[in-house]
Amino acid sequence: MRKSPALKKYPALILAVLFLAQPAGCFYRVNLEPAVSLKVDPGKYQPVALLPLQDPSGHLPPESGLYPVIHDSLEKKGYRLIKEAEVARALEDMKLTSLHLLSDRDSRKKMAEKLKAGLLMIGTLPEYRVQKSRLGSQSRQAWDGESYSDQVLPTFFWGISQIRLILRLFESDTGEMVWISEGTIRASSDSAETYARKLAERLLKSLPPVPAPSAK
Protein backbone atom coordinates (compact mmCIF):
# COMPACT_ATOMS: atom_id res chain seq x y z
CA MET A 1 0.00 0.00 0.00
CA ARG A 2 1.46 3.37 -1.01
CA LYS A 3 1.64 5.93 1.73
CA SER A 4 0.56 9.53 1.21
CA PRO A 5 3.54 11.89 0.74
CA ALA A 6 2.24 13.88 3.67
CA LEU A 7 2.34 10.79 5.90
CA LYS A 8 6.04 10.38 5.06
CA LYS A 9 6.80 14.10 5.30
CA TYR A 10 5.08 14.84 8.59
CA PRO A 11 5.73 11.96 11.01
CA ALA A 12 5.71 14.31 14.00
CA LEU A 13 2.39 15.74 12.88
CA ILE A 14 0.92 12.24 12.65
CA LEU A 15 2.00 11.50 16.21
CA ALA A 16 0.48 14.76 17.37
CA VAL A 17 -2.81 13.94 15.66
CA LEU A 18 -2.94 10.50 17.26
CA PHE A 19 -2.08 11.96 20.67
CA LEU A 20 -4.73 14.66 20.50
CA ALA A 21 -7.24 12.13 19.20
CA GLN A 22 -7.23 10.14 22.42
CA PRO A 23 -10.73 10.51 23.87
CA ALA A 24 -10.88 12.78 26.92
CA GLY A 25 -14.02 11.01 28.06
CA CYS A 26 -17.37 9.90 26.70
CA PHE A 27 -19.82 12.60 25.69
CA TYR A 28 -23.49 12.39 24.93
CA ARG A 29 -26.51 14.56 24.24
CA VAL A 30 -30.10 13.44 24.74
CA ASN A 31 -33.16 14.97 23.09
CA LEU A 32 -36.49 13.74 24.48
CA GLU A 33 -39.92 14.43 23.05
CA PRO A 34 -42.50 15.86 25.52
CA ALA A 35 -43.68 13.16 27.90
CA VAL A 36 -47.19 11.73 27.42
CA SER A 37 -49.11 10.63 30.50
CA LEU A 38 -50.28 7.03 30.73
CA LYS A 39 -54.00 6.97 29.91
CA VAL A 40 -54.91 3.90 31.96
CA ASP A 41 -54.36 2.56 35.46
CA PRO A 42 -51.47 0.09 34.99
CA GLY A 43 -52.59 -1.87 38.03
CA LYS A 44 -55.72 -2.94 36.11
CA TYR A 45 -53.82 -3.99 32.98
CA GLN A 46 -51.41 -6.73 33.96
CA PRO A 47 -49.37 -8.62 32.89
CA VAL A 48 -47.33 -6.89 30.16
CA ALA A 49 -46.02 -8.48 26.97
CA LEU A 50 -42.72 -6.88 25.96
CA LEU A 51 -42.25 -7.41 22.23
CA PRO A 52 -38.80 -7.83 20.62
CA LEU A 53 -37.24 -4.57 19.42
CA GLN A 54 -36.97 -4.11 15.65
CA ASP A 55 -35.57 -1.51 13.28
CA PRO A 56 -37.59 -0.14 10.32
CA SER A 57 -36.41 -2.97 8.06
CA GLY A 58 -37.87 -5.55 10.44
CA HIS A 59 -34.51 -6.85 11.68
CA LEU A 60 -33.36 -7.17 15.24
CA PRO A 61 -31.36 -4.08 16.27
CA PRO A 62 -27.57 -4.24 16.58
CA GLU A 63 -27.86 -3.46 20.28
CA SER A 64 -29.29 -6.60 21.89
CA GLY A 65 -28.70 -5.20 25.38
CA LEU A 66 -31.72 -2.90 25.15
CA TYR A 67 -34.32 -5.62 25.73
CA PRO A 68 -33.11 -6.66 29.21
CA VAL A 69 -32.76 -3.00 30.25
CA ILE A 70 -36.39 -2.31 29.34
CA HIS A 71 -37.49 -5.60 30.91
CA ASP A 72 -35.68 -4.91 34.20
CA SER A 73 -36.90 -1.30 34.36
CA LEU A 74 -40.51 -2.41 33.97
CA GLU A 75 -40.13 -5.03 36.69
CA LYS A 76 -38.65 -2.45 39.07
CA LYS A 77 -41.75 -0.32 38.49
CA GLY A 78 -43.96 -3.23 39.52
CA TYR A 79 -45.06 -4.45 36.09
CA ARG A 80 -45.48 -8.21 35.67
CA LEU A 81 -43.79 -9.39 32.48
CA ILE A 82 -44.84 -12.36 30.38
CA LYS A 83 -41.88 -14.64 29.71
CA GLU A 84 -39.85 -13.76 26.63
CA ALA A 85 -40.12 -17.32 25.30
CA GLU A 86 -43.93 -17.20 25.47
CA VAL A 87 -44.02 -13.92 23.55
CA ALA A 88 -41.67 -15.30 20.89
CA ARG A 89 -43.77 -18.46 20.56
CA ALA A 90 -46.98 -16.45 20.14
CA LEU A 91 -45.38 -14.29 17.43
CA GLU A 92 -44.24 -17.40 15.59
CA ASP A 93 -47.62 -19.14 15.89
CA MET A 94 -49.48 -16.08 14.61
CA LYS A 95 -46.81 -15.31 12.00
CA LEU A 96 -46.52 -11.75 13.26
CA THR A 97 -43.69 -9.30 13.97
CA SER A 98 -43.43 -6.31 16.27
CA LEU A 99 -43.67 -3.96 13.29
CA HIS A 100 -46.81 -5.68 12.03
CA LEU A 101 -48.42 -5.31 15.44
CA LEU A 102 -47.46 -1.65 15.45
CA SER A 103 -49.59 -1.00 12.37
CA ASP A 104 -52.51 -3.40 12.94
CA ARG A 105 -54.89 -2.84 15.86
CA ASP A 106 -56.80 -6.09 15.37
CA SER A 107 -53.55 -8.09 15.48
CA ARG A 108 -52.61 -6.34 18.71
CA LYS A 109 -55.93 -7.33 20.26
CA LYS A 110 -55.50 -10.95 19.12
CA MET A 111 -51.92 -11.08 20.43
CA ALA A 112 -52.98 -9.67 23.80
CA GLU A 113 -55.80 -12.21 23.99
CA LYS A 114 -53.50 -15.12 23.13
CA LEU A 115 -50.98 -14.09 25.78
CA LYS A 116 -53.65 -12.99 28.28
CA ALA A 117 -51.79 -9.68 28.46
CA GLY A 118 -53.22 -6.42 29.72
CA LEU A 119 -50.64 -4.28 27.92
CA LEU A 120 -48.31 -4.69 24.96
CA MET A 121 -45.07 -2.73 24.88
CA ILE A 122 -43.53 -2.31 21.43
CA GLY A 123 -40.14 -0.66 21.03
CA THR A 124 -38.66 0.41 17.70
CA LEU A 125 -35.30 1.81 16.63
CA PRO A 126 -35.92 4.19 13.69
CA GLU A 127 -32.21 5.02 13.75
CA TYR A 128 -29.12 3.23 15.00
CA ARG A 129 -26.09 4.76 13.29
CA VAL A 130 -22.51 4.25 14.44
CA GLN A 131 -19.50 5.79 12.68
CA LYS A 132 -16.17 4.59 14.08
CA SER A 133 -13.23 6.90 14.73
CA ARG A 134 -10.56 6.73 12.06
CA LEU A 135 -7.34 8.30 10.86
CA GLY A 136 -7.61 9.52 7.29
CA SER A 137 -6.37 12.36 5.11
CA GLN A 138 -7.71 15.66 3.88
CA SER A 139 -6.52 18.24 1.38
CA ARG A 140 -5.54 21.50 3.08
CA GLN A 141 -3.55 24.64 2.44
CA ALA A 142 -0.09 24.16 4.03
CA TRP A 143 3.15 26.17 4.05
CA ASP A 144 5.95 24.28 2.32
CA GLY A 145 8.70 26.75 3.23
CA GLU A 146 8.20 28.99 0.25
CA SER A 147 4.48 29.32 -0.34
CA TYR A 148 1.12 27.87 0.51
CA SER A 149 -0.03 24.90 -1.53
CA ASP A 150 -2.67 22.15 -1.38
CA GLN A 151 -1.29 19.17 0.49
CA VAL A 152 -2.87 15.96 1.72
CA LEU A 153 -2.42 15.94 5.49
CA PRO A 154 -3.32 13.29 8.08
CA THR A 155 -6.66 14.03 9.74
CA PHE A 156 -8.41 12.33 12.63
CA PHE A 157 -12.17 11.86 12.25
CA TRP A 158 -14.02 11.45 15.53
CA GLY A 159 -16.45 8.57 15.80
CA ILE A 160 -20.08 9.38 16.48
CA SER A 161 -23.24 7.41 17.13
CA GLN A 162 -26.87 8.50 16.86
CA ILE A 163 -29.69 6.35 18.20
CA ARG A 164 -33.43 7.01 18.17
CA LEU A 165 -35.72 4.86 20.27
CA ILE A 166 -39.52 4.89 20.54
CA LEU A 167 -41.43 2.97 23.22
CA ARG A 168 -45.20 2.51 22.94
CA LEU A 169 -47.78 0.87 25.21
CA PHE A 170 -51.06 -0.53 23.87
CA GLU A 171 -53.93 -1.73 26.02
CA SER A 172 -55.56 -5.06 25.29
CA ASP A 173 -59.29 -4.27 25.16
CA THR A 174 -59.25 -1.83 22.22
CA GLY A 175 -55.69 -2.15 20.96
CA GLU A 176 -55.30 1.63 21.38
CA MET A 177 -51.99 3.28 22.26
CA VAL A 178 -52.07 4.57 25.83
CA TRP A 179 -48.49 5.80 26.29
CA ILE A 180 -45.52 6.78 24.16
CA SER A 181 -42.01 7.97 24.94
CA GLU A 182 -39.36 8.74 22.35
CA GLY A 183 -35.97 10.38 22.10
CA THR A 184 -32.59 10.54 20.40
CA ILE A 185 -29.10 10.28 21.83
CA ARG A 186 -25.80 11.29 20.24
CA ALA A 187 -22.62 9.92 21.76
CA SER A 188 -19.11 8.84 20.93
CA SER A 189 -19.08 5.66 18.86
CA ASP A 190 -17.10 3.73 21.49
CA SER A 191 -19.94 4.23 23.99
CA ALA A 192 -22.90 3.59 21.66
CA GLU A 193 -24.16 0.50 23.48
CA THR A 194 -23.87 2.08 26.92
CA TYR A 195 -25.76 5.19 25.92
CA ALA A 196 -28.44 3.28 24.01
CA ARG A 197 -29.27 1.65 27.32
CA LYS A 198 -29.13 5.04 29.06
CA LEU A 199 -31.63 6.39 26.54
CA ALA A 200 -34.03 3.52 27.26
CA GLU A 201 -33.83 4.23 30.99
CA ARG A 202 -34.52 7.93 30.43
CA LEU A 203 -37.57 7.18 28.28
CA LEU A 204 -39.05 4.86 30.90
CA LYS A 205 -38.81 7.48 33.64
CA SER A 206 -42.09 9.02 32.46
CA LEU A 207 -43.91 5.69 32.83
CA PRO A 208 -45.63 5.57 36.25
CA PRO A 209 -45.12 2.56 38.51
CA VAL A 210 -47.84 0.07 39.25
CA PRO A 211 -49.62 1.17 42.46
CA ALA A 212 -49.02 -1.13 45.38
CA PRO A 213 -52.14 -3.12 46.37
CA SER A 214 -54.01 -1.45 49.20
CA ALA A 215 -53.99 -3.28 52.53
CA LYS A 216 -57.37 -4.66 53.61
C-alpha atoms as a PDB file:
ATOM      1  CA  MET A   1       0.000   0.000   0.000  1.00  0.00           C
ATOM      2  CA  ARG A   2       1.456   3.373  -1.013  1.00  0.00           C
ATOM      3  CA  LYS A   3       1.638   5.932   1.734  1.00  0.00           C
ATOM      4  CA  SER A   4       0.558   9.527   1.209  1.00  0.00           C
ATOM      5  CA  PRO A   5       3.537  11.892   0.742  1.00  0.00           C
ATOM      6  CA  ALA A   6       2.244  13.875   3.673  1.00  0.00           C
ATOM      7  CA  LEU A   7       2.340  10.793   5.896  1.00  0.00           C
ATOM      8  CA  LYS A   8       6.039  10.383   5.062  1.00  0.00           C
ATOM      9  CA  LYS A   9       6.801  14.099   5.298  1.00  0.00           C
ATOM     10  CA  TYR A  10       5.083  14.841   8.590  1.00  0.00           C
ATOM     11  CA  PRO A  11       5.729  11.960  11.015  1.00  0.00           C
ATOM     12  CA  ALA A  12       5.706  14.310  14.004  1.00  0.00           C
ATOM     13  CA  LEU A  13       2.386  15.737  12.880  1.00  0.00           C
ATOM     14  CA  ILE A  14       0.922  12.242  12.655  1.00  0.00           C
ATOM     15  CA  LEU A  15       2.004  11.503  16.214  1.00  0.00           C
ATOM     16  CA  ALA A  16       0.476  14.764  17.368  1.00  0.00           C
ATOM     17  CA  VAL A  17      -2.812  13.942  15.655  1.00  0.00           C
ATOM     18  CA  LEU A  18      -2.939  10.505  17.265  1.00  0.00           C
ATOM     19  CA  PHE A  19      -2.084  11.957  20.673  1.00  0.00           C
ATOM     20  CA  LEU A  20      -4.731  14.662  20.497  1.00  0.00           C
ATOM     21  CA  ALA A  21      -7.237  12.134  19.198  1.00  0.00           C
ATOM     22  CA  GLN A  22      -7.234  10.145  22.422  1.00  0.00           C
ATOM     23  CA  PRO A  23     -10.732  10.507  23.874  1.00  0.00           C
ATOM     24  CA  ALA A  24     -10.880  12.777  26.918  1.00  0.00           C
ATOM     25  CA  GLY A  25     -14.023  11.015  28.061  1.00  0.00           C
ATOM     26  CA  CYS A  26     -17.367   9.905  26.698  1.00  0.00           C
ATOM     27  CA  PHE A  27     -19.816  12.600  25.689  1.00  0.00           C
ATOM     28  CA  TYR A  28     -23.486  12.392  24.930  1.00  0.00           C
ATOM     29  CA  ARG A  29     -26.511  14.562  24.239  1.00  0.00           C
ATOM     30  CA  VAL A  30     -30.103  13.441  24.743  1.00  0.00           C
ATOM     31  CA  ASN A  31     -33.163  14.969  23.088  1.00  0.00           C
ATOM     32  CA  LEU A  32     -36.489  13.737  24.480  1.00  0.00           C
ATOM     33  CA  GLU A  33     -39.921  14.426  23.054  1.00  0.00           C
ATOM     34  CA  PRO A  34     -42.502  15.862  25.517  1.00  0.00           C
ATOM     35  CA  ALA A  35     -43.677  13.162  27.899  1.00  0.00           C
ATOM     36  CA  VAL A  36     -47.191  11.732  27.423  1.00  0.00           C
ATOM     37  CA  SER A  37     -49.111  10.633  30.503  1.00  0.00           C
ATOM     38  CA  LEU A  38     -50.275   7.029  30.734  1.00  0.00           C
ATOM     39  CA  LYS A  39     -54.004   6.970  29.910  1.00  0.00           C
ATOM     40  CA  VAL A  40     -54.915   3.898  31.962  1.00  0.00           C
ATOM     41  CA  ASP A  41     -54.365   2.558  35.458  1.00  0.00           C
ATOM     42  CA  PRO A  42     -51.474   0.088  34.992  1.00  0.00           C
ATOM     43  CA  GLY A  43     -52.593  -1.874  38.025  1.00  0.00           C
ATOM     44  CA  LYS A  44     -55.725  -2.938  36.108  1.00  0.00           C
ATOM     45  CA  TYR A  45     -53.822  -3.992  32.982  1.00  0.00           C
ATOM     46  CA  GLN A  46     -51.414  -6.727  33.964  1.00  0.00           C
ATOM     47  CA  PRO A  47     -49.374  -8.622  32.890  1.00  0.00           C
ATOM     48  CA  VAL A  48     -47.332  -6.892  30.163  1.00  0.00           C
ATOM     49  CA  ALA A  49     -46.024  -8.477  26.966  1.00  0.00           C
ATOM     50  CA  LEU A  50     -42.722  -6.875  25.963  1.00  0.00           C
ATOM     51  CA  LEU A  51     -42.250  -7.407  22.228  1.00  0.00           C
ATOM     52  CA  PRO A  52     -38.797  -7.825  20.615  1.00  0.00           C
ATOM     53  CA  LEU A  53     -37.238  -4.572  19.419  1.00  0.00           C
ATOM     54  CA  GLN A  54     -36.968  -4.110  15.652  1.00  0.00           C
ATOM     55  CA  ASP A  55     -35.569  -1.509  13.282  1.00  0.00           C
ATOM     56  CA  PRO A  56     -37.595  -0.138  10.315  1.00  0.00           C
ATOM     57  CA  SER A  57     -36.409  -2.969   8.061  1.00  0.00           C
ATOM     58  CA  GLY A  58     -37.867  -5.550  10.440  1.00  0.00           C
ATOM     59  CA  HIS A  59     -34.515  -6.854  11.682  1.00  0.00           C
ATOM     60  CA  LEU A  60     -33.364  -7.168  15.244  1.00  0.00           C
ATOM     61  CA  PRO A  61     -31.362  -4.076  16.273  1.00  0.00           C
ATOM     62  CA  PRO A  62     -27.573  -4.242  16.575  1.00  0.00           C
ATOM     63  CA  GLU A  63     -27.857  -3.462  20.279  1.00  0.00           C
ATOM     64  CA  SER A  64     -29.290  -6.604  21.892  1.00  0.00           C
ATOM     65  CA  GLY A  65     -28.701  -5.204  25.385  1.00  0.00           C
ATOM     66  CA  LEU A  66     -31.721  -2.899  25.148  1.00  0.00           C
ATOM     67  CA  TYR A  67     -34.323  -5.619  25.727  1.00  0.00           C
ATOM     68  CA  PRO A  68     -33.111  -6.664  29.210  1.00  0.00           C
ATOM     69  CA  VAL A  69     -32.761  -2.997  30.248  1.00  0.00           C
ATOM     70  CA  ILE A  70     -36.392  -2.311  29.341  1.00  0.00           C
ATOM     71  CA  HIS A  71     -37.489  -5.602  30.912  1.00  0.00           C
ATOM     72  CA  ASP A  72     -35.679  -4.910  34.195  1.00  0.00           C
ATOM     73  CA  SER A  73     -36.897  -1.296  34.356  1.00  0.00           C
ATOM     74  CA  LEU A  74     -40.509  -2.406  33.974  1.00  0.00           C
ATOM     75  CA  GLU A  75     -40.134  -5.032  36.691  1.00  0.00           C
ATOM     76  CA  LYS A  76     -38.650  -2.452  39.067  1.00  0.00           C
ATOM     77  CA  LYS A  77     -41.751  -0.318  38.489  1.00  0.00           C
ATOM     78  CA  GLY A  78     -43.964  -3.232  39.523  1.00  0.00           C
ATOM     79  CA  TYR A  79     -45.060  -4.447  36.086  1.00  0.00           C
ATOM     80  CA  ARG A  80     -45.477  -8.209  35.671  1.00  0.00           C
ATOM     81  CA  LEU A  81     -43.788  -9.391  32.478  1.00  0.00           C
ATOM     82  CA  ILE A  82     -44.844 -12.355  30.382  1.00  0.00           C
ATOM     83  CA  LYS A  83     -41.879 -14.635  29.710  1.00  0.00           C
ATOM     84  CA  GLU A  84     -39.853 -13.756  26.628  1.00  0.00           C
ATOM     85  CA  ALA A  85     -40.120 -17.317  25.296  1.00  0.00           C
ATOM     86  CA  GLU A  86     -43.928 -17.204  25.469  1.00  0.00           C
ATOM     87  CA  VAL A  87     -44.024 -13.917  23.547  1.00  0.00           C
ATOM     88  CA  ALA A  88     -41.672 -15.299  20.889  1.00  0.00           C
ATOM     89  CA  ARG A  89     -43.768 -18.459  20.555  1.00  0.00           C
ATOM     90  CA  ALA A  90     -46.981 -16.454  20.141  1.00  0.00           C
ATOM     91  CA  LEU A  91     -45.384 -14.294  17.426  1.00  0.00           C
ATOM     92  CA  GLU A  92     -44.243 -17.400  15.590  1.00  0.00           C
ATOM     93  CA  ASP A  93     -47.622 -19.145  15.894  1.00  0.00           C
ATOM     94  CA  MET A  94     -49.481 -16.080  14.605  1.00  0.00           C
ATOM     95  CA  LYS A  95     -46.814 -15.306  11.996  1.00  0.00           C
ATOM     96  CA  LEU A  96     -46.519 -11.747  13.263  1.00  0.00           C
ATOM     97  CA  THR A  97     -43.692  -9.303  13.972  1.00  0.00           C
ATOM     98  CA  SER A  98     -43.426  -6.312  16.273  1.00  0.00           C
ATOM     99  CA  LEU A  99     -43.672  -3.960  13.293  1.00  0.00           C
ATOM    100  CA  HIS A 100     -46.814  -5.684  12.032  1.00  0.00           C
ATOM    101  CA  LEU A 101     -48.420  -5.308  15.439  1.00  0.00           C
ATOM    102  CA  LEU A 102     -47.460  -1.654  15.446  1.00  0.00           C
ATOM    103  CA  SER A 103     -49.586  -0.997  12.373  1.00  0.00           C
ATOM    104  CA  ASP A 104     -52.506  -3.402  12.939  1.00  0.00           C
ATOM    105  CA  ARG A 105     -54.887  -2.844  15.856  1.00  0.00           C
ATOM    106  CA  ASP A 106     -56.798  -6.094  15.366  1.00  0.00           C
ATOM    107  CA  SER A 107     -53.552  -8.089  15.476  1.00  0.00           C
ATOM    108  CA  ARG A 108     -52.606  -6.340  18.706  1.00  0.00           C
ATOM    109  CA  LYS A 109     -55.927  -7.335  20.263  1.00  0.00           C
ATOM    110  CA  LYS A 110     -55.502 -10.949  19.125  1.00  0.00           C
ATOM    111  CA  MET A 111     -51.918 -11.076  20.434  1.00  0.00           C
ATOM    112  CA  ALA A 112     -52.979  -9.671  23.802  1.00  0.00           C
ATOM    113  CA  GLU A 113     -55.800 -12.214  23.987  1.00  0.00           C
ATOM    114  CA  LYS A 114     -53.505 -15.124  23.127  1.00  0.00           C
ATOM    115  CA  LEU A 115     -50.980 -14.093  25.781  1.00  0.00           C
ATOM    116  CA  LYS A 116     -53.651 -12.986  28.277  1.00  0.00           C
ATOM    117  CA  ALA A 117     -51.789  -9.683  28.460  1.00  0.00           C
ATOM    118  CA  GLY A 118     -53.216  -6.417  29.719  1.00  0.00           C
ATOM    119  CA  LEU A 119     -50.636  -4.282  27.915  1.00  0.00           C
ATOM    120  CA  LEU A 120     -48.314  -4.689  24.956  1.00  0.00           C
ATOM    121  CA  MET A 121     -45.073  -2.733  24.877  1.00  0.00           C
ATOM    122  CA  ILE A 122     -43.527  -2.305  21.435  1.00  0.00           C
ATOM    123  CA  GLY A 123     -40.136  -0.664  21.026  1.00  0.00           C
ATOM    124  CA  THR A 124     -38.655   0.415  17.695  1.00  0.00           C
ATOM    125  CA  LEU A 125     -35.302   1.813  16.626  1.00  0.00           C
ATOM    126  CA  PRO A 126     -35.922   4.187  13.689  1.00  0.00           C
ATOM    127  CA  GLU A 127     -32.215   5.019  13.746  1.00  0.00           C
ATOM    128  CA  TYR A 128     -29.119   3.225  14.997  1.00  0.00           C
ATOM    129  CA  ARG A 129     -26.091   4.758  13.293  1.00  0.00           C
ATOM    130  CA  VAL A 130     -22.507   4.253  14.436  1.00  0.00           C
ATOM    131  CA  GLN A 131     -19.497   5.785  12.684  1.00  0.00           C
ATOM    132  CA  LYS A 132     -16.171   4.587  14.080  1.00  0.00           C
ATOM    133  CA  SER A 133     -13.232   6.898  14.734  1.00  0.00           C
ATOM    134  CA  ARG A 134     -10.562   6.728  12.063  1.00  0.00           C
ATOM    135  CA  LEU A 135      -7.336   8.305  10.864  1.00  0.00           C
ATOM    136  CA  GLY A 136      -7.609   9.522   7.291  1.00  0.00           C
ATOM    137  CA  SER A 137      -6.372  12.358   5.113  1.00  0.00           C
ATOM    138  CA  GLN A 138      -7.714  15.656   3.876  1.00  0.00           C
ATOM    139  CA  SER A 139      -6.517  18.242   1.383  1.00  0.00           C
ATOM    140  CA  ARG A 140      -5.539  21.499   3.084  1.00  0.00           C
ATOM    141  CA  GLN A 141      -3.546  24.636   2.437  1.00  0.00           C
ATOM    142  CA  ALA A 142      -0.092  24.157   4.026  1.00  0.00           C
ATOM    143  CA  TRP A 143       3.151  26.167   4.050  1.00  0.00           C
ATOM    144  CA  ASP A 144       5.953  24.285   2.322  1.00  0.00           C
ATOM    145  CA  GLY A 145       8.703  26.748   3.226  1.00  0.00           C
ATOM    146  CA  GLU A 146       8.204  28.994   0.251  1.00  0.00           C
ATOM    147  CA  SER A 147       4.483  29.317  -0.340  1.00  0.00           C
ATOM    148  CA  TYR A 148       1.119  27.869   0.512  1.00  0.00           C
ATOM    149  CA  SER A 149      -0.032  24.899  -1.528  1.00  0.00           C
ATOM    150  CA  ASP A 150      -2.668  22.151  -1.382  1.00  0.00           C
ATOM    151  CA  GLN A 151      -1.287  19.168   0.486  1.00  0.00           C
ATOM    152  CA  VAL A 152      -2.866  15.957   1.722  1.00  0.00           C
ATOM    153  CA  LEU A 153      -2.417  15.941   5.488  1.00  0.00           C
ATOM    154  CA  PRO A 154      -3.322  13.286   8.083  1.00  0.00           C
ATOM    155  CA  THR A 155      -6.655  14.028   9.740  1.00  0.00           C
ATOM    156  CA  PHE A 156      -8.409  12.334  12.633  1.00  0.00           C
ATOM    157  CA  PHE A 157     -12.165  11.862  12.248  1.00  0.00           C
ATOM    158  CA  TRP A 158     -14.022  11.455  15.533  1.00  0.00           C
ATOM    159  CA  GLY A 159     -16.449   8.571  15.797  1.00  0.00           C
ATOM    160  CA  ILE A 160     -20.075   9.382  16.480  1.00  0.00           C
ATOM    161  CA  SER A 161     -23.245   7.410  17.131  1.00  0.00           C
ATOM    162  CA  GLN A 162     -26.868   8.503  16.856  1.00  0.00           C
ATOM    163  CA  ILE A 163     -29.690   6.354  18.196  1.00  0.00           C
ATOM    164  CA  ARG A 164     -33.426   7.010  18.169  1.00  0.00           C
ATOM    165  CA  LEU A 165     -35.717   4.858  20.274  1.00  0.00           C
ATOM    166  CA  ILE A 166     -39.523   4.890  20.539  1.00  0.00           C
ATOM    167  CA  LEU A 167     -41.430   2.973  23.224  1.00  0.00           C
ATOM    168  CA  ARG A 168     -45.205   2.512  22.943  1.00  0.00           C
ATOM    169  CA  LEU A 169     -47.776   0.869  25.211  1.00  0.00           C
ATOM    170  CA  PHE A 170     -51.061  -0.527  23.872  1.00  0.00           C
ATOM    171  CA  GLU A 171     -53.927  -1.729  26.022  1.00  0.00           C
ATOM    172  CA  SER A 172     -55.557  -5.058  25.289  1.00  0.00           C
ATOM    173  CA  ASP A 173     -59.290  -4.267  25.163  1.00  0.00           C
ATOM    174  CA  THR A 174     -59.254  -1.835  22.222  1.00  0.00           C
ATOM    175  CA  GLY A 175     -55.687  -2.146  20.964  1.00  0.00           C
ATOM    176  CA  GLU A 176     -55.299   1.629  21.376  1.00  0.00           C
ATOM    177  CA  MET A 177     -51.993   3.280  22.256  1.00  0.00           C
ATOM    178  CA  VAL A 178     -52.072   4.569  25.835  1.00  0.00           C
ATOM    179  CA  TRP A 179     -48.491   5.796  26.293  1.00  0.00           C
ATOM    180  CA  ILE A 180     -45.516   6.784  24.163  1.00  0.00           C
ATOM    181  CA  SER A 181     -42.011   7.971  24.942  1.00  0.00           C
ATOM    182  CA  GLU A 182     -39.356   8.743  22.353  1.00  0.00           C
ATOM    183  CA  GLY A 183     -35.974  10.383  22.095  1.00  0.00           C
ATOM    184  CA  THR A 184     -32.586  10.543  20.399  1.00  0.00           C
ATOM    185  CA  ILE A 185     -29.099  10.281  21.828  1.00  0.00           C
ATOM    186  CA  ARG A 186     -25.801  11.288  20.235  1.00  0.00           C
ATOM    187  CA  ALA A 187     -22.621   9.923  21.758  1.00  0.00           C
ATOM    188  CA  SER A 188     -19.109   8.835  20.928  1.00  0.00           C
ATOM    189  CA  SER A 189     -19.082   5.661  18.863  1.00  0.00           C
ATOM    190  CA  ASP A 190     -17.096   3.732  21.494  1.00  0.00           C
ATOM    191  CA  SER A 191     -19.945   4.226  23.988  1.00  0.00           C
ATOM    192  CA  ALA A 192     -22.904   3.594  21.662  1.00  0.00           C
ATOM    193  CA  GLU A 193     -24.164   0.497  23.475  1.00  0.00           C
ATOM    194  CA  THR A 194     -23.870   2.083  26.915  1.00  0.00           C
ATOM    195  CA  TYR A 195     -25.763   5.188  25.920  1.00  0.00           C
ATOM    196  CA  ALA A 196     -28.438   3.279  24.010  1.00  0.00           C
ATOM    197  CA  ARG A 197     -29.274   1.647  27.322  1.00  0.00           C
ATOM    198  CA  LYS A 198     -29.129   5.043  29.062  1.00  0.00           C
ATOM    199  CA  LEU A 199     -31.634   6.391  26.539  1.00  0.00           C
ATOM    200  CA  ALA A 200     -34.032   3.517  27.262  1.00  0.00           C
ATOM    201  CA  GLU A 201     -33.826   4.226  30.990  1.00  0.00           C
ATOM    202  CA  ARG A 202     -34.523   7.932  30.426  1.00  0.00           C
ATOM    203  CA  LEU A 203     -37.570   7.180  28.282  1.00  0.00           C
ATOM    204  CA  LEU A 204     -39.047   4.860  30.903  1.00  0.00           C
ATOM    205  CA  LYS A 205     -38.810   7.485  33.644  1.00  0.00           C
ATOM    206  CA  SER A 206     -42.092   9.022  32.465  1.00  0.00           C
ATOM    207  CA  LEU A 207     -43.914   5.691  32.834  1.00  0.00           C
ATOM    208  CA  PRO A 208     -45.625   5.575  36.246  1.00  0.00           C
ATOM    209  CA  PRO A 209     -45.117   2.556  38.507  1.00  0.00           C
ATOM    210  CA  VAL A 210     -47.836   0.067  39.246  1.00  0.00           C
ATOM    211  CA  PRO A 211     -49.622   1.168  42.458  1.00  0.00           C
ATOM    212  CA  ALA A 212     -49.018  -1.129  45.380  1.00  0.00           C
ATOM    213  CA  PRO A 213     -52.143  -3.120  46.373  1.00  0.00           C
ATOM    214  CA  SER A 214     -54.010  -1.455  49.203  1.00  0.00           C
ATOM    215  CA  ALA A 215     -53.990  -3.278  52.533  1.00  0.00           C
ATOM    216  CA  LYS A 216     -57.366  -4.657  53.611  1.00  0.00           C
END
